[in-house]
Amino acid sequence: MTSAFAAIALGFSAAPAYADEPTLPESPKKVYSIEKIGKLMTNVYDGTRLLASCQADKGGTCTISRTFSVTRTIGVALGVSKSFVSGELNMSSARTVEVRAACTSRAFSSNNQIYKAYPSGTRQWYKVVEKYYVGGKLKRTTKSVPLQAFNPQGVSCVMRTK
């Protein structure tokens, strides 16, 4: 005889001893996600982070040839970590990346020009989304201000006026 049939035959209930007790509600919990804003931008350079520059007289050229250690920037909000955001964006969470510049300028057309090197790579805009659940039901959704992540992958060199 199976145990279920044996319990019924002997007059025992197969239900647990505390079946009449109410189940406790689920603990409140927060669930985080990333909401991308627009598409991943590729081949962009960060004009706020000058890596190096060189200059020459009119008609001359100059070269920037060096390896730089560039900081990867990942915006965070609502208590999430950089490693969480980088994972959601399929980006390395390493703080820095080595990039190599191998740029030679075109001929300078005036003495009022300068050749500058900036980190280049990909940029993604996004918001951190927090969903707050109580008793398994969604009670509140909070979104951060727009944030950005910049993933350096190389160096862009551009001619500028001083």
N, C-alpha and C. Protein backbone atom coordinates (compact mmCIF):
# COMPACT_ATOMS: atom_id res chain seq x y z
N MET A 1 0.84 -1.18 0.00
CA MET A 1 0.00 0.00 0.00
C MET A 1 0.89 1.24 0.00
N THR A 2 0.55 2.23 -0.79
CA THR A 2 1.34 3.46 -0.78
C THR A 2 1.07 4.22 0.50
N SER A 3 1.98 5.13 0.82
CA SER A 3 1.85 5.86 2.08
C SER A 3 0.59 6.74 2.12
N ALA A 4 0.16 7.28 0.97
CA ALA A 4 -1.05 8.11 0.96
C ALA A 4 -2.28 7.26 1.26
N PHE A 5 -2.34 6.08 0.63
CA PHE A 5 -3.47 5.20 0.89
C PHE A 5 -3.42 4.67 2.31
N ALA A 6 -2.23 4.42 2.81
CA ALA A 6 -2.08 3.91 4.18
C ALA A 6 -2.57 4.96 5.16
N ALA A 7 -2.27 6.23 4.93
CA ALA A 7 -2.69 7.29 5.83
C ALA A 7 -4.19 7.42 5.84
N ILE A 8 -4.84 7.29 4.68
CA ILE A 8 -6.29 7.39 4.59
C ILE A 8 -6.93 6.17 5.26
N ALA A 9 -6.37 5.01 5.00
CA ALA A 9 -6.93 3.78 5.56
C ALA A 9 -6.85 3.79 7.09
N LEU A 10 -5.83 4.39 7.62
CA LEU A 10 -5.67 4.43 9.07
C LEU A 10 -6.37 5.64 9.68
N GLY A 11 -6.99 6.50 8.85
CA GLY A 11 -7.74 7.63 9.36
C GLY A 11 -6.89 8.87 9.59
N PHE A 12 -5.70 8.88 9.03
CA PHE A 12 -4.85 10.07 9.18
C PHE A 12 -5.03 10.98 7.99
N SER A 13 -4.84 12.24 8.21
CA SER A 13 -4.89 13.21 7.13
C SER A 13 -3.51 13.30 6.49
N ALA A 14 -3.46 13.39 5.17
CA ALA A 14 -2.20 13.55 4.47
C ALA A 14 -1.74 15.01 4.50
N ALA A 15 -2.58 15.93 4.96
CA ALA A 15 -2.24 17.35 5.01
C ALA A 15 -1.24 17.60 6.13
N PRO A 16 -0.39 18.63 5.99
CA PRO A 16 0.56 18.94 7.05
C PRO A 16 -0.18 19.34 8.33
N ALA A 17 0.51 19.21 9.45
CA ALA A 17 -0.09 19.49 10.76
C ALA A 17 -0.54 20.93 10.88
N TYR A 18 0.11 21.85 10.17
CA TYR A 18 -0.21 23.26 10.33
C TYR A 18 -0.92 23.83 9.10
N ALA A 19 -1.74 23.03 8.45
CA ALA A 19 -2.40 23.44 7.21
C ALA A 19 -3.35 24.60 7.43
N ASP A 20 -3.89 24.76 8.65
CA ASP A 20 -4.83 25.84 8.88
C ASP A 20 -4.15 27.17 9.14
N GLU A 21 -2.83 27.17 9.35
CA GLU A 21 -2.12 28.43 9.60
C GLU A 21 -2.01 29.20 8.30
N PRO A 22 -2.18 30.50 8.37
CA PRO A 22 -2.04 31.29 7.14
C PRO A 22 -0.57 31.31 6.72
N THR A 23 -0.35 31.40 5.42
CA THR A 23 1.03 31.52 4.94
C THR A 23 1.48 32.95 5.13
N LEU A 24 2.74 33.11 5.45
CA LEU A 24 3.29 34.45 5.66
C LEU A 24 3.48 35.13 4.32
N PRO A 25 3.24 36.43 4.26
CA PRO A 25 3.46 37.15 2.99
C PRO A 25 4.94 37.18 2.66
N GLU A 26 5.21 37.29 1.37
CA GLU A 26 6.60 37.40 0.93
C GLU A 26 7.21 38.68 1.49
N SER A 27 8.49 38.62 1.76
CA SER A 27 9.21 39.81 2.23
C SER A 27 9.24 40.85 1.12
N PRO A 28 9.21 42.13 1.48
CA PRO A 28 9.36 43.16 0.45
C PRO A 28 10.70 42.98 -0.25
N LYS A 29 10.73 43.22 -1.55
CA LYS A 29 12.00 43.10 -2.27
C LYS A 29 12.08 44.12 -3.39
N LYS A 30 13.32 44.44 -3.72
CA LYS A 30 13.59 45.37 -4.81
C LYS A 30 14.27 44.60 -5.93
N VAL A 31 13.83 44.86 -7.14
CA VAL A 31 14.40 44.23 -8.32
C VAL A 31 14.91 45.34 -9.23
N TYR A 32 16.16 45.21 -9.66
CA TYR A 32 16.79 46.25 -10.48
C TYR A 32 16.98 45.78 -11.91
N SER A 33 16.89 46.75 -12.83
CA SER A 33 17.16 46.47 -14.24
C SER A 33 17.70 47.76 -14.88
N ILE A 34 18.12 47.62 -16.11
CA ILE A 34 18.65 48.75 -16.88
C ILE A 34 17.73 48.99 -18.07
N GLU A 35 17.34 50.24 -18.26
CA GLU A 35 16.53 50.63 -19.42
C GLU A 35 17.42 51.46 -20.34
N LYS A 36 17.80 50.89 -21.48
CA LYS A 36 18.68 51.60 -22.41
C LYS A 36 17.92 52.74 -23.07
N ILE A 37 18.61 53.84 -23.27
CA ILE A 37 18.05 55.00 -23.95
C ILE A 37 18.78 55.12 -25.28
N GLY A 38 18.10 54.87 -26.36
CA GLY A 38 18.74 54.92 -27.67
C GLY A 38 19.65 53.72 -27.89
N LYS A 39 20.34 53.77 -29.00
CA LYS A 39 21.23 52.68 -29.39
C LYS A 39 22.64 52.93 -28.87
N LEU A 40 23.41 51.85 -28.83
CA LEU A 40 24.81 51.94 -28.47
C LEU A 40 25.52 52.80 -29.50
N MET A 41 26.21 53.84 -29.05
CA MET A 41 26.95 54.72 -29.96
C MET A 41 28.38 54.20 -30.06
N THR A 42 28.83 53.97 -31.28
CA THR A 42 30.18 53.44 -31.49
C THR A 42 31.07 54.50 -32.10
N ASN A 43 32.37 54.30 -31.97
CA ASN A 43 33.38 55.21 -32.53
C ASN A 43 33.18 56.66 -32.09
N VAL A 44 32.83 56.85 -30.83
CA VAL A 44 32.72 58.21 -30.29
C VAL A 44 33.96 58.50 -29.46
N TYR A 45 34.34 59.76 -29.39
CA TYR A 45 35.47 60.09 -28.53
C TYR A 45 35.02 61.00 -27.41
N ASP A 46 35.71 60.88 -26.29
CA ASP A 46 35.39 61.66 -25.10
C ASP A 46 36.25 62.92 -25.12
N GLY A 47 35.65 64.00 -25.61
CA GLY A 47 36.37 65.26 -25.73
C GLY A 47 36.68 65.94 -24.40
N THR A 48 36.21 65.37 -23.30
CA THR A 48 36.50 65.95 -21.98
C THR A 48 37.79 65.39 -21.39
N ARG A 49 38.37 64.36 -22.04
CA ARG A 49 39.57 63.73 -21.48
C ARG A 49 40.73 63.75 -22.48
N LEU A 50 41.45 64.82 -22.48
CA LEU A 50 42.61 64.95 -23.36
C LEU A 50 43.72 64.02 -22.88
N LEU A 51 44.20 63.16 -23.78
CA LEU A 51 45.28 62.24 -23.44
C LEU A 51 46.65 62.83 -23.74
N ALA A 52 46.76 63.48 -24.89
CA ALA A 52 48.05 64.06 -25.29
C ALA A 52 47.79 65.05 -26.43
N SER A 53 48.78 65.87 -26.69
CA SER A 53 48.70 66.79 -27.82
C SER A 53 50.09 67.03 -28.36
N CYS A 54 50.15 67.50 -29.59
CA CYS A 54 51.43 67.90 -30.18
C CYS A 54 51.15 69.00 -31.19
N GLN A 55 52.19 69.69 -31.59
CA GLN A 55 52.02 70.75 -32.58
C GLN A 55 53.30 70.91 -33.38
N ALA A 56 53.15 71.55 -34.51
CA ALA A 56 54.28 71.82 -35.39
C ALA A 56 54.04 73.17 -36.07
N ASP A 57 55.07 73.69 -36.69
CA ASP A 57 54.92 74.93 -37.44
C ASP A 57 54.13 74.65 -38.72
N LYS A 58 53.65 75.72 -39.36
CA LYS A 58 52.88 75.61 -40.60
C LYS A 58 53.66 74.75 -41.60
N GLY A 59 52.93 73.76 -42.18
CA GLY A 59 53.53 72.86 -43.16
C GLY A 59 54.13 71.60 -42.53
N GLY A 60 54.34 71.60 -41.22
CA GLY A 60 54.92 70.44 -40.55
C GLY A 60 53.85 69.47 -40.06
N THR A 61 54.30 68.34 -39.54
CA THR A 61 53.41 67.34 -38.96
C THR A 61 53.93 66.95 -37.58
N CYS A 62 53.10 66.28 -36.82
CA CYS A 62 53.55 65.74 -35.53
C CYS A 62 52.89 64.39 -35.30
N THR A 63 53.47 63.62 -34.40
CA THR A 63 52.99 62.26 -34.14
C THR A 63 52.75 62.06 -32.65
N ILE A 64 51.63 61.38 -32.34
CA ILE A 64 51.34 60.95 -30.98
C ILE A 64 51.37 59.43 -31.02
N SER A 65 52.34 58.84 -30.34
CA SER A 65 52.51 57.39 -30.34
C SER A 65 52.82 56.96 -28.92
N ARG A 66 51.80 56.44 -28.25
CA ARG A 66 51.96 56.08 -26.84
C ARG A 66 50.79 55.22 -26.39
N THR A 67 50.98 54.47 -25.31
CA THR A 67 49.89 53.71 -24.69
C THR A 67 49.41 54.47 -23.47
N PHE A 68 48.09 54.53 -23.32
CA PHE A 68 47.48 55.25 -22.22
C PHE A 68 46.61 54.31 -21.40
N SER A 69 46.54 54.57 -20.12
CA SER A 69 45.62 53.86 -19.24
C SER A 69 44.41 54.78 -19.06
N VAL A 70 43.26 54.34 -19.56
CA VAL A 70 42.06 55.18 -19.57
C VAL A 70 41.00 54.57 -18.66
N THR A 71 40.36 55.41 -17.87
CA THR A 71 39.31 54.96 -16.95
C THR A 71 38.00 54.75 -17.69
N ARG A 72 37.40 53.60 -17.47
CA ARG A 72 36.07 53.30 -17.99
C ARG A 72 35.07 53.99 -17.07
N THR A 73 34.10 54.69 -17.62
CA THR A 73 33.13 55.38 -16.78
C THR A 73 31.78 54.67 -16.86
N ILE A 74 31.20 54.42 -15.69
CA ILE A 74 29.91 53.76 -15.59
C ILE A 74 29.10 54.49 -14.54
N GLY A 75 28.01 55.13 -14.96
CA GLY A 75 27.16 55.85 -14.02
C GLY A 75 26.29 54.89 -13.22
N VAL A 76 26.12 55.19 -11.94
CA VAL A 76 25.27 54.35 -11.08
C VAL A 76 24.28 55.22 -10.33
N ALA A 77 23.19 54.59 -9.88
CA ALA A 77 22.15 55.27 -9.10
C ALA A 77 21.31 54.22 -8.40
N LEU A 78 20.49 54.67 -7.46
CA LEU A 78 19.53 53.84 -6.73
C LEU A 78 20.19 52.66 -6.02
N GLY A 79 21.48 52.77 -5.73
CA GLY A 79 22.16 51.75 -4.94
C GLY A 79 22.74 50.59 -5.71
N VAL A 80 22.66 50.58 -7.04
CA VAL A 80 23.26 49.48 -7.80
C VAL A 80 24.77 49.70 -7.92
N SER A 81 25.50 48.65 -8.18
CA SER A 81 26.96 48.73 -8.30
C SER A 81 27.38 48.89 -9.77
N LYS A 82 28.61 49.31 -9.96
CA LYS A 82 29.15 49.41 -11.32
C LYS A 82 29.21 48.04 -11.98
N SER A 83 29.51 47.01 -11.20
CA SER A 83 29.59 45.67 -11.79
C SER A 83 28.20 45.21 -12.26
N PHE A 84 27.13 45.58 -11.54
CA PHE A 84 25.77 45.25 -11.99
C PHE A 84 25.49 45.92 -13.34
N VAL A 85 25.76 47.22 -13.42
CA VAL A 85 25.49 47.96 -14.66
C VAL A 85 26.33 47.42 -15.81
N SER A 86 27.62 47.20 -15.56
CA SER A 86 28.48 46.71 -16.64
C SER A 86 28.01 45.35 -17.13
N GLY A 87 27.54 44.50 -16.22
CA GLY A 87 27.02 43.20 -16.62
C GLY A 87 25.77 43.33 -17.48
N GLU A 88 24.88 44.24 -17.10
CA GLU A 88 23.65 44.46 -17.87
C GLU A 88 23.95 45.05 -19.25
N LEU A 89 25.06 45.79 -19.37
CA LEU A 89 25.42 46.42 -20.64
C LEU A 89 26.43 45.58 -21.43
N ASN A 90 26.73 44.39 -20.93
CA ASN A 90 27.73 43.51 -21.57
C ASN A 90 29.06 44.22 -21.76
N MET A 91 29.52 44.84 -20.70
CA MET A 91 30.75 45.60 -20.71
C MET A 91 31.64 45.09 -19.58
N SER A 92 32.92 45.14 -19.77
CA SER A 92 33.83 44.73 -18.70
C SER A 92 33.67 45.66 -17.51
N SER A 93 33.84 45.12 -16.31
CA SER A 93 33.74 45.97 -15.12
C SER A 93 35.11 46.44 -14.65
N ALA A 94 36.16 46.09 -15.40
CA ALA A 94 37.51 46.56 -15.04
C ALA A 94 37.53 48.08 -15.05
N ARG A 95 38.20 48.66 -14.09
CA ARG A 95 38.21 50.11 -13.94
C ARG A 95 38.94 50.82 -15.07
N THR A 96 40.05 50.27 -15.51
CA THR A 96 40.83 50.92 -16.56
C THR A 96 41.07 49.98 -17.73
N VAL A 97 41.40 50.58 -18.85
CA VAL A 97 41.73 49.83 -20.06
C VAL A 97 42.94 50.51 -20.71
N GLU A 98 43.83 49.70 -21.27
CA GLU A 98 45.00 50.23 -21.97
C GLU A 98 44.63 50.46 -23.43
N VAL A 99 44.89 51.66 -23.94
CA VAL A 99 44.64 51.99 -25.35
C VAL A 99 45.90 52.58 -25.95
N ARG A 100 46.11 52.31 -27.22
CA ARG A 100 47.34 52.75 -27.89
C ARG A 100 47.01 53.80 -28.93
N ALA A 101 47.77 54.90 -28.88
CA ALA A 101 47.66 55.95 -29.89
C ALA A 101 48.80 55.78 -30.88
N ALA A 102 48.48 55.85 -32.15
CA ALA A 102 49.46 55.81 -33.22
C ALA A 102 48.95 56.75 -34.30
N CYS A 103 49.05 58.05 -34.01
CA CYS A 103 48.46 59.07 -34.88
C CYS A 103 49.52 60.02 -35.40
N THR A 104 49.46 60.30 -36.70
CA THR A 104 50.31 61.33 -37.29
C THR A 104 49.40 62.35 -37.94
N SER A 105 49.63 63.60 -37.63
CA SER A 105 48.76 64.67 -38.14
C SER A 105 48.96 64.88 -39.63
N ARG A 106 47.98 65.52 -40.23
CA ARG A 106 48.17 66.03 -41.58
C ARG A 106 49.06 67.27 -41.45
N ALA A 107 49.46 67.86 -42.53
CA ALA A 107 50.30 69.07 -42.48
C ALA A 107 49.51 70.21 -41.83
N PHE A 108 50.14 70.90 -40.91
CA PHE A 108 49.50 72.04 -40.25
C PHE A 108 49.34 73.16 -41.26
N SER A 109 48.13 73.73 -41.32
CA SER A 109 47.87 74.81 -42.27
C SER A 109 48.15 76.19 -41.67
N SER A 110 48.37 76.23 -40.32
CA SER A 110 48.73 77.48 -39.67
C SER A 110 49.46 77.16 -38.37
N ASN A 111 50.05 78.17 -37.78
CA ASN A 111 50.72 77.98 -36.49
C ASN A 111 49.72 78.05 -35.33
N ASN A 112 48.44 78.21 -35.66
CA ASN A 112 47.40 78.33 -34.65
C ASN A 112 46.63 77.01 -34.48
N GLN A 113 47.25 75.89 -34.81
CA GLN A 113 46.59 74.60 -34.71
C GLN A 113 47.32 73.71 -33.70
N ILE A 114 46.57 72.73 -33.21
CA ILE A 114 47.13 71.75 -32.27
C ILE A 114 46.48 70.39 -32.57
N TYR A 115 47.24 69.33 -32.47
CA TYR A 115 46.77 67.98 -32.72
C TYR A 115 46.55 67.31 -31.37
N LYS A 116 45.31 66.79 -31.13
CA LYS A 116 44.96 66.27 -29.82
C LYS A 116 44.48 64.82 -29.89
N ALA A 117 44.81 64.06 -28.84
CA ALA A 117 44.39 62.66 -28.74
C ALA A 117 43.39 62.51 -27.60
N TYR A 118 42.28 61.84 -27.89
CA TYR A 118 41.21 61.59 -26.91
C TYR A 118 40.88 60.09 -26.91
N PRO A 119 40.40 59.57 -25.78
CA PRO A 119 39.95 58.17 -25.80
C PRO A 119 38.70 58.03 -26.66
N SER A 120 38.63 56.94 -27.42
CA SER A 120 37.44 56.67 -28.23
C SER A 120 36.92 55.29 -27.86
N GLY A 121 35.65 55.08 -28.15
CA GLY A 121 35.04 53.79 -27.83
C GLY A 121 33.55 53.83 -28.02
N THR A 122 32.83 53.16 -27.12
CA THR A 122 31.38 53.10 -27.21
C THR A 122 30.75 53.85 -26.03
N ARG A 123 29.56 54.40 -26.27
CA ARG A 123 28.82 55.10 -25.22
C ARG A 123 27.37 54.62 -25.25
N GLN A 124 26.85 54.34 -24.06
CA GLN A 124 25.45 53.94 -23.93
C GLN A 124 24.79 54.79 -22.87
N TRP A 125 23.65 55.38 -23.21
CA TRP A 125 22.83 56.11 -22.24
C TRP A 125 21.78 55.15 -21.70
N TYR A 126 21.43 55.28 -20.43
CA TYR A 126 20.48 54.36 -19.80
C TYR A 126 19.94 54.95 -18.51
N LYS A 127 18.91 54.29 -17.98
CA LYS A 127 18.37 54.61 -16.65
C LYS A 127 18.39 53.33 -15.83
N VAL A 128 18.63 53.47 -14.53
CA VAL A 128 18.49 52.35 -13.61
C VAL A 128 17.03 52.33 -13.17
N VAL A 129 16.41 51.15 -13.22
CA VAL A 129 15.01 50.99 -12.85
C VAL A 129 14.94 50.12 -11.60
N GLU A 130 14.24 50.62 -10.59
CA GLU A 130 14.02 49.86 -9.35
C GLU A 130 12.53 49.55 -9.24
N LYS A 131 12.20 48.26 -9.12
CA LYS A 131 10.81 47.86 -8.91
C LYS A 131 10.73 47.31 -7.49
N TYR A 132 9.79 47.85 -6.72
CA TYR A 132 9.61 47.48 -5.31
C TYR A 132 8.35 46.65 -5.17
N TYR A 133 8.52 45.42 -4.68
CA TYR A 133 7.41 44.48 -4.53
C TYR A 133 7.11 44.25 -3.05
N VAL A 134 5.83 44.22 -2.70
CA VAL A 134 5.39 43.86 -1.35
C VAL A 134 4.34 42.77 -1.52
N GLY A 135 4.56 41.65 -0.83
CA GLY A 135 3.63 40.53 -0.95
C GLY A 135 3.52 40.01 -2.36
N GLY A 136 4.58 40.12 -3.11
CA GLY A 136 4.59 39.64 -4.48
C GLY A 136 3.93 40.57 -5.47
N LYS A 137 3.43 41.73 -5.00
CA LYS A 137 2.76 42.68 -5.89
C LYS A 137 3.62 43.93 -6.06
N LEU A 138 3.69 44.42 -7.29
CA LEU A 138 4.45 45.62 -7.59
C LEU A 138 3.80 46.82 -6.92
N LYS A 139 4.55 47.52 -6.07
CA LYS A 139 4.02 48.70 -5.37
C LYS A 139 4.55 50.00 -5.95
N ARG A 140 5.79 49.95 -6.45
CA ARG A 140 6.40 51.22 -6.90
C ARG A 140 7.50 50.92 -7.92
N THR A 141 7.59 51.80 -8.91
CA THR A 141 8.69 51.75 -9.88
C THR A 141 9.39 53.10 -9.83
N THR A 142 10.70 53.06 -9.66
CA THR A 142 11.51 54.28 -9.63
C THR A 142 12.56 54.20 -10.72
N LYS A 143 12.73 55.30 -11.46
CA LYS A 143 13.76 55.35 -12.51
C LYS A 143 14.74 56.47 -12.18
N SER A 144 16.01 56.21 -12.44
CA SER A 144 17.05 57.21 -12.20
C SER A 144 17.02 58.25 -13.32
N VAL A 145 17.80 59.29 -13.13
CA VAL A 145 18.03 60.25 -14.21
C VAL A 145 18.84 59.53 -15.28
N PRO A 146 18.89 60.05 -16.51
CA PRO A 146 19.72 59.40 -17.53
C PRO A 146 21.19 59.35 -17.10
N LEU A 147 21.79 58.19 -17.29
CA LEU A 147 23.19 57.95 -16.96
C LEU A 147 23.90 57.48 -18.22
N GLN A 148 25.22 57.47 -18.18
CA GLN A 148 25.95 56.98 -19.34
C GLN A 148 27.13 56.12 -18.92
N ALA A 149 27.49 55.23 -19.81
CA ALA A 149 28.69 54.42 -19.65
C ALA A 149 29.55 54.65 -20.89
N PHE A 150 30.85 54.86 -20.66
CA PHE A 150 31.79 55.02 -21.77
C PHE A 150 32.82 53.92 -21.65
N ASN A 151 32.95 53.14 -22.71
CA ASN A 151 33.87 52.01 -22.74
C ASN A 151 34.99 52.32 -23.73
N PRO A 152 36.18 52.74 -23.22
CA PRO A 152 37.28 53.07 -24.12
C PRO A 152 37.77 51.85 -24.89
N GLN A 153 38.02 52.05 -26.18
CA GLN A 153 38.50 50.95 -27.01
C GLN A 153 39.67 51.37 -27.90
N GLY A 154 40.01 52.64 -27.87
CA GLY A 154 41.09 53.12 -28.71
C GLY A 154 41.32 54.60 -28.48
N VAL A 155 41.95 55.24 -29.46
CA VAL A 155 42.29 56.66 -29.38
C VAL A 155 41.87 57.33 -30.69
N SER A 156 41.27 58.50 -30.59
CA SER A 156 40.95 59.33 -31.74
C SER A 156 41.81 60.58 -31.67
N CYS A 157 42.42 60.92 -32.78
CA CYS A 157 43.25 62.12 -32.85
C CYS A 157 42.61 63.11 -33.81
N VAL A 158 42.52 64.36 -33.37
CA VAL A 158 41.86 65.40 -34.16
C VAL A 158 42.67 66.68 -34.17
N MET A 159 42.57 67.38 -35.28
CA MET A 159 43.23 68.68 -35.43
C MET A 159 42.28 69.75 -34.92
N ARG A 160 42.78 70.64 -34.08
CA ARG A 160 41.96 71.70 -33.51
C ARG A 160 42.70 73.04 -33.65
N THR A 161 41.91 74.10 -33.55
CA THR A 161 42.47 75.44 -33.49
C THR A 161 42.77 75.74 -32.02
N LYS A 162 43.90 76.39 -31.76
CA LYS A 162 44.28 76.71 -30.37
C LYS A 162 43.31 77.67 -29.76
